[in-house]
C-alpha atoms as a PDB file:
ATOM      1  CA  MET A   1     194.865 -92.923 -93.300  1.00  0.00           C
ATOM      2  CA  ARG A   2     197.816 -93.863 -95.448  1.00  0.00           C
ATOM      3  CA  TYR A   3     201.236 -92.393 -94.723  1.00  0.00           C
ATOM      4  CA  MET A   4     204.406 -92.796 -96.733  1.00  0.00           C
ATOM      5  CA  LEU A   5     207.634 -93.249 -94.816  1.00  0.00           C
ATOM      6  CA  LEU A   6     210.241 -91.988 -97.281  1.00  0.00           C
ATOM      7  CA  PHE A   7     213.800 -92.993 -96.448  1.00  0.00           C
ATOM      8  CA  HIS A   8     216.475 -90.489 -97.516  1.00  0.00           C
ATOM      9  CA  HIS A   9     220.160 -91.192 -96.982  1.00  0.00           C
ATOM     10  CA  SER A  10     223.540 -90.492 -98.503  1.00  0.00           C
ATOM     11  CA  GLU A  11     224.471 -92.954-101.188  1.00  0.00           C
ATOM     12  CA  GLU A  12     227.709 -94.738-100.569  1.00  0.00           C
ATOM     13  CA  SER A  13     229.351 -97.645-102.314  1.00  0.00           C
ATOM     14  CA  GLU A  14     229.217-101.140-100.918  1.00  0.00           C
ATOM     15  CA  ALA A  15     232.982-100.912-100.459  1.00  0.00           C
ATOM     16  CA  SER A  16     232.744 -97.804 -98.268  1.00  0.00           C
ATOM     17  CA  ILE A  17     229.872 -99.189 -96.180  1.00  0.00           C
ATOM     18  CA  GLY A  18     231.126-102.749 -95.890  1.00  0.00           C
ATOM     19  CA  ALA A  19     229.323-106.032 -96.501  1.00  0.00           C
ATOM     20  CA  GLU A  20     228.706-106.605 -92.786  1.00  0.00           C
ATOM     21  CA  ALA A  21     227.017-103.207 -92.324  1.00  0.00           C
ATOM     22  CA  ILE A  22     224.881-103.768 -95.420  1.00  0.00           C
ATOM     23  CA  ALA A  23     223.807-107.190 -94.160  1.00  0.00           C
ATOM     24  CA  GLU A  24     222.943-105.705 -90.764  1.00  0.00           C
ATOM     25  CA  GLY A  25     220.899-102.946 -92.428  1.00  0.00           C
ATOM     26  CA  MET A  26     219.013-105.528 -94.483  1.00  0.00           C
ATOM     27  CA  ARG A  27     218.279-107.591 -91.364  1.00  0.00           C
ATOM     28  CA  ALA A  28     217.079-104.478 -89.533  1.00  0.00           C
ATOM     29  CA  MET A  29     214.755-103.509 -92.396  1.00  0.00           C
ATOM     30  CA  ALA A  30     213.384-107.070 -92.679  1.00  0.00           C
ATOM     31  CA  SER A  31     212.670-107.087 -88.955  1.00  0.00           C
ATOM     32  CA  TYR A  32     211.023-103.640 -89.154  1.00  0.00           C
ATOM     33  CA  ALA A  33     208.835-104.737 -92.095  1.00  0.00           C
ATOM     34  CA  ALA A  34     207.834-107.900 -90.204  1.00  0.00           C
ATOM     35  CA  THR A  35     206.870-105.802 -87.185  1.00  0.00           C
ATOM     36  CA  LEU A  36     204.731-103.512 -89.370  1.00  0.00           C
ATOM     37  CA  GLU A  37     203.137-106.581 -90.981  1.00  0.00           C
ATOM     38  CA  GLN A  38     202.375-108.185 -87.611  1.00  0.00           C
ATOM     39  CA  ALA A  39     200.792-104.921 -86.420  1.00  0.00           C
ATOM     40  CA  GLY A  40     198.550-104.935 -89.489  1.00  0.00           C
ATOM     41  CA  VAL A  41     199.666-101.495 -90.719  1.00  0.00           C
ATOM     42  CA  LEU A  42     201.977-102.392 -93.620  1.00  0.00           C
ATOM     43  CA  VAL A  43     200.507-101.653 -97.049  1.00  0.00           C
ATOM     44  CA  SER A  44     203.660-101.939 -99.161  1.00  0.00           C
ATOM     45  CA  GLY A  45     207.361-101.221 -99.248  1.00  0.00           C
ATOM     46  CA  ASP A  46     210.163-100.851-101.756  1.00  0.00           C
ATOM     47  CA  VAL A  47     213.902-100.415-101.557  1.00  0.00           C
ATOM     48  CA  LEU A  48     215.092 -98.445-104.548  1.00  0.00           C
ATOM     49  CA  GLN A  49     218.157 -98.959-106.696  1.00  0.00           C
ATOM     50  CA  PRO A  50     220.762 -96.152-106.471  1.00  0.00           C
ATOM     51  CA  SER A  51     219.816 -92.786-107.939  1.00  0.00           C
ATOM     52  CA  SER A  52     222.374 -93.391-110.690  1.00  0.00           C
ATOM     53  CA  ALA A  53     219.917 -95.982-112.074  1.00  0.00           C
ATOM     54  CA  SER A  54     217.079 -93.463-112.219  1.00  0.00           C
ATOM     55  CA  THR A  55     215.689 -91.715-115.267  1.00  0.00           C
ATOM     56  CA  THR A  56     213.758 -88.470-114.893  1.00  0.00           C
ATOM     57  CA  LEU A  57     211.133 -87.234-117.327  1.00  0.00           C
ATOM     58  CA  SER A  58     210.135 -83.572-117.469  1.00  0.00           C
ATOM     59  CA  SER A  59     208.775 -81.222-120.075  1.00  0.00           C
ATOM     60  CA  ALA A  60     210.615 -78.211-121.449  1.00  0.00           C
ATOM     61  CA  GLY A  61     208.645 -76.052-123.867  1.00  0.00           C
ATOM     62  CA  GLY A  62     206.143 -78.828-124.464  1.00  0.00           C
ATOM     63  CA  GLU A  63     208.864 -81.297-125.421  1.00  0.00           C
ATOM     64  CA  PRO A  64     209.696 -84.255-123.204  1.00  0.00           C
ATOM     65  CA  ARG A  65     213.124 -84.104-121.617  1.00  0.00           C
ATOM     66  CA  ILE A  66     214.692 -87.291-120.306  1.00  0.00           C
ATOM     67  CA  GLN A  67     217.617 -87.129-117.915  1.00  0.00           C
ATOM     68  CA  ASP A  68     219.616 -90.099-116.641  1.00  0.00           C
ATOM     69  CA  GLY A  69     220.783 -90.290-113.070  1.00  0.00           C
ATOM     70  CA  PRO A  70     219.636 -88.311-110.078  1.00  0.00           C
ATOM     71  CA  PHE A  71     217.690 -85.161-110.857  1.00  0.00           C
ATOM     72  CA  ALA A  72     218.148 -83.465-107.489  1.00  0.00           C
ATOM     73  CA  ASP A  73     221.660 -82.306-106.655  1.00  0.00           C
ATOM     74  CA  THR A  74     221.563 -83.220-102.969  1.00  0.00           C
ATOM     75  CA  LYS A  75     223.709 -85.189-100.568  1.00  0.00           C
ATOM     76  CA  GLU A  76     220.795 -87.438 -99.633  1.00  0.00           C
ATOM     77  CA  GLN A  77     218.747 -89.463-102.101  1.00  0.00           C
ATOM     78  CA  LEU A  78     215.458 -91.312-101.751  1.00  0.00           C
ATOM     79  CA  GLY A  79     216.429 -94.886-100.966  1.00  0.00           C
ATOM     80  CA  GLY A  80     213.091 -96.520-100.271  1.00  0.00           C
ATOM     81  CA  VAL A  81     209.517 -96.100 -99.184  1.00  0.00           C
ATOM     82  CA  ILE A  82     207.077 -97.910 -96.950  1.00  0.00           C
ATOM     83  CA  VAL A  83     203.342 -97.233 -97.043  1.00  0.00           C
ATOM     84  CA  ILE A  84     201.448 -97.738 -93.795  1.00  0.00           C
ATOM     85  CA  ASP A  85     197.765 -97.361 -92.953  1.00  0.00           C
ATOM     86  CA  VAL A  86     197.322 -95.911 -89.473  1.00  0.00           C
ATOM     87  CA  PRO A  87     194.724 -93.696 -87.749  1.00  0.00           C
ATOM     88  CA  ASP A  88     196.752 -90.475 -87.470  1.00  0.00           C
ATOM     89  CA  LEU A  89     200.060 -88.626 -87.773  1.00  0.00           C
ATOM     90  CA  ASP A  90     201.108 -89.401 -84.196  1.00  0.00           C
ATOM     91  CA  THR A  91     200.849 -93.125 -84.919  1.00  0.00           C
ATOM     92  CA  ALA A  92     202.735 -92.692 -88.196  1.00  0.00           C
ATOM     93  CA  LEU A  93     205.498 -90.832 -86.331  1.00  0.00           C
ATOM     94  CA  THR A  94     205.690 -93.616 -83.754  1.00  0.00           C
ATOM     95  CA  TRP A  95     206.333 -96.116 -86.553  1.00  0.00           C
ATOM     96  CA  ALA A  96     208.766 -93.735 -88.298  1.00  0.00           C
ATOM     97  CA  ARG A  97     210.854 -93.426 -85.114  1.00  0.00           C
ATOM     98  CA  GLN A  98     211.358 -97.199 -85.204  1.00  0.00           C
ATOM     99  CA  ALA A  99     212.507 -97.253 -88.850  1.00  0.00           C
ATOM    100  CA  PRO A 100     216.163 -98.333 -89.112  1.00  0.00           C
ATOM    101  CA  PRO A 101     216.942 -95.622 -91.721  1.00  0.00           C
ATOM    102  CA  ALA A 102     216.328 -93.012 -89.011  1.00  0.00           C
ATOM    103  CA  ALA A 103     219.750 -94.057 -87.674  1.00  0.00           C
ATOM    104  CA  TRP A 104     221.613 -93.342 -90.933  1.00  0.00           C
ATOM    105  CA  GLY A 105     219.474 -90.785 -92.743  1.00  0.00           C
ATOM    106  CA  THR A 106     216.129 -89.034 -92.683  1.00  0.00           C
ATOM    107  CA  VAL A 107     212.634 -90.476 -92.530  1.00  0.00           C
ATOM    108  CA  GLU A 108     210.086 -88.188 -94.167  1.00  0.00           C
ATOM    109  CA  VAL A 109     206.508 -88.878 -93.070  1.00  0.00           C
ATOM    110  CA  ARG A 110     203.996 -87.718 -95.655  1.00  0.00           C
ATOM    111  CA  PRO A 111     200.251 -88.370 -95.682  1.00  0.00           C
ATOM    112  CA  GLY A 112     198.766 -89.815 -98.819  1.00  0.00           C
ATOM    113  CA  ALA A 113     196.068 -87.873-100.642  1.00  0.00           C
ATOM    114  CA  VAL A 114     194.669 -90.595-102.908  1.00  0.00           C
ATOM    115  CA  HIS A 115     195.763 -94.010-104.080  1.00  0.00           C
ATOM    116  CA  ILE A 116     194.663 -96.407-106.780  1.00  0.00           C
ATOM    117  CA  GLU A 117     192.700 -99.436-105.673  1.00  0.00           C
ATOM    118  CA  ASN A 118     191.330-101.838-108.282  1.00  0.00           C
ATOM    119  CA  GLY A 119     191.845 -99.210-110.969  1.00  0.00           C
ATOM    120  CA  THR A 120     189.957 -96.464-109.103  1.00  0.00           C
ATOM    121  CA  TRP A 121     191.280 -93.411-107.263  1.00  0.00           C
ATOM    122  CA  VAL A 122     190.392 -93.685-103.569  1.00  0.00           C
ATOM    123  CA  PRO A 123     191.009 -91.050-100.827  1.00  0.00           C
ATOM    124  CA  SER A 124     193.832 -92.176 -98.575  1.00  0.00           C
END
């Protein structure tokens, strides 16, 4: 079964975090991704640009509404996602506990319902 590990954390500037801390975070995530890959559970992963780079599309009264920047007014933003394929929630939680973002934010573990494979919807 596919699970998404959604990494939520407060967005801070590079200046407030520091180049050394950013480099360490990148090394930790690279190591974590390599571990998932070696275990044969990694499906995909993405680190997202800051929420200020996002654009949100919704519909108001049948008309599309486009909004720049983060839509949700929260302290934490979605910073990245990893998709893993594991047998059950307990296994997904074991991998989530090892995710470096658990140390600086929140890791949301959400099962997939369906995904697209070769242009066809497939149950996850």
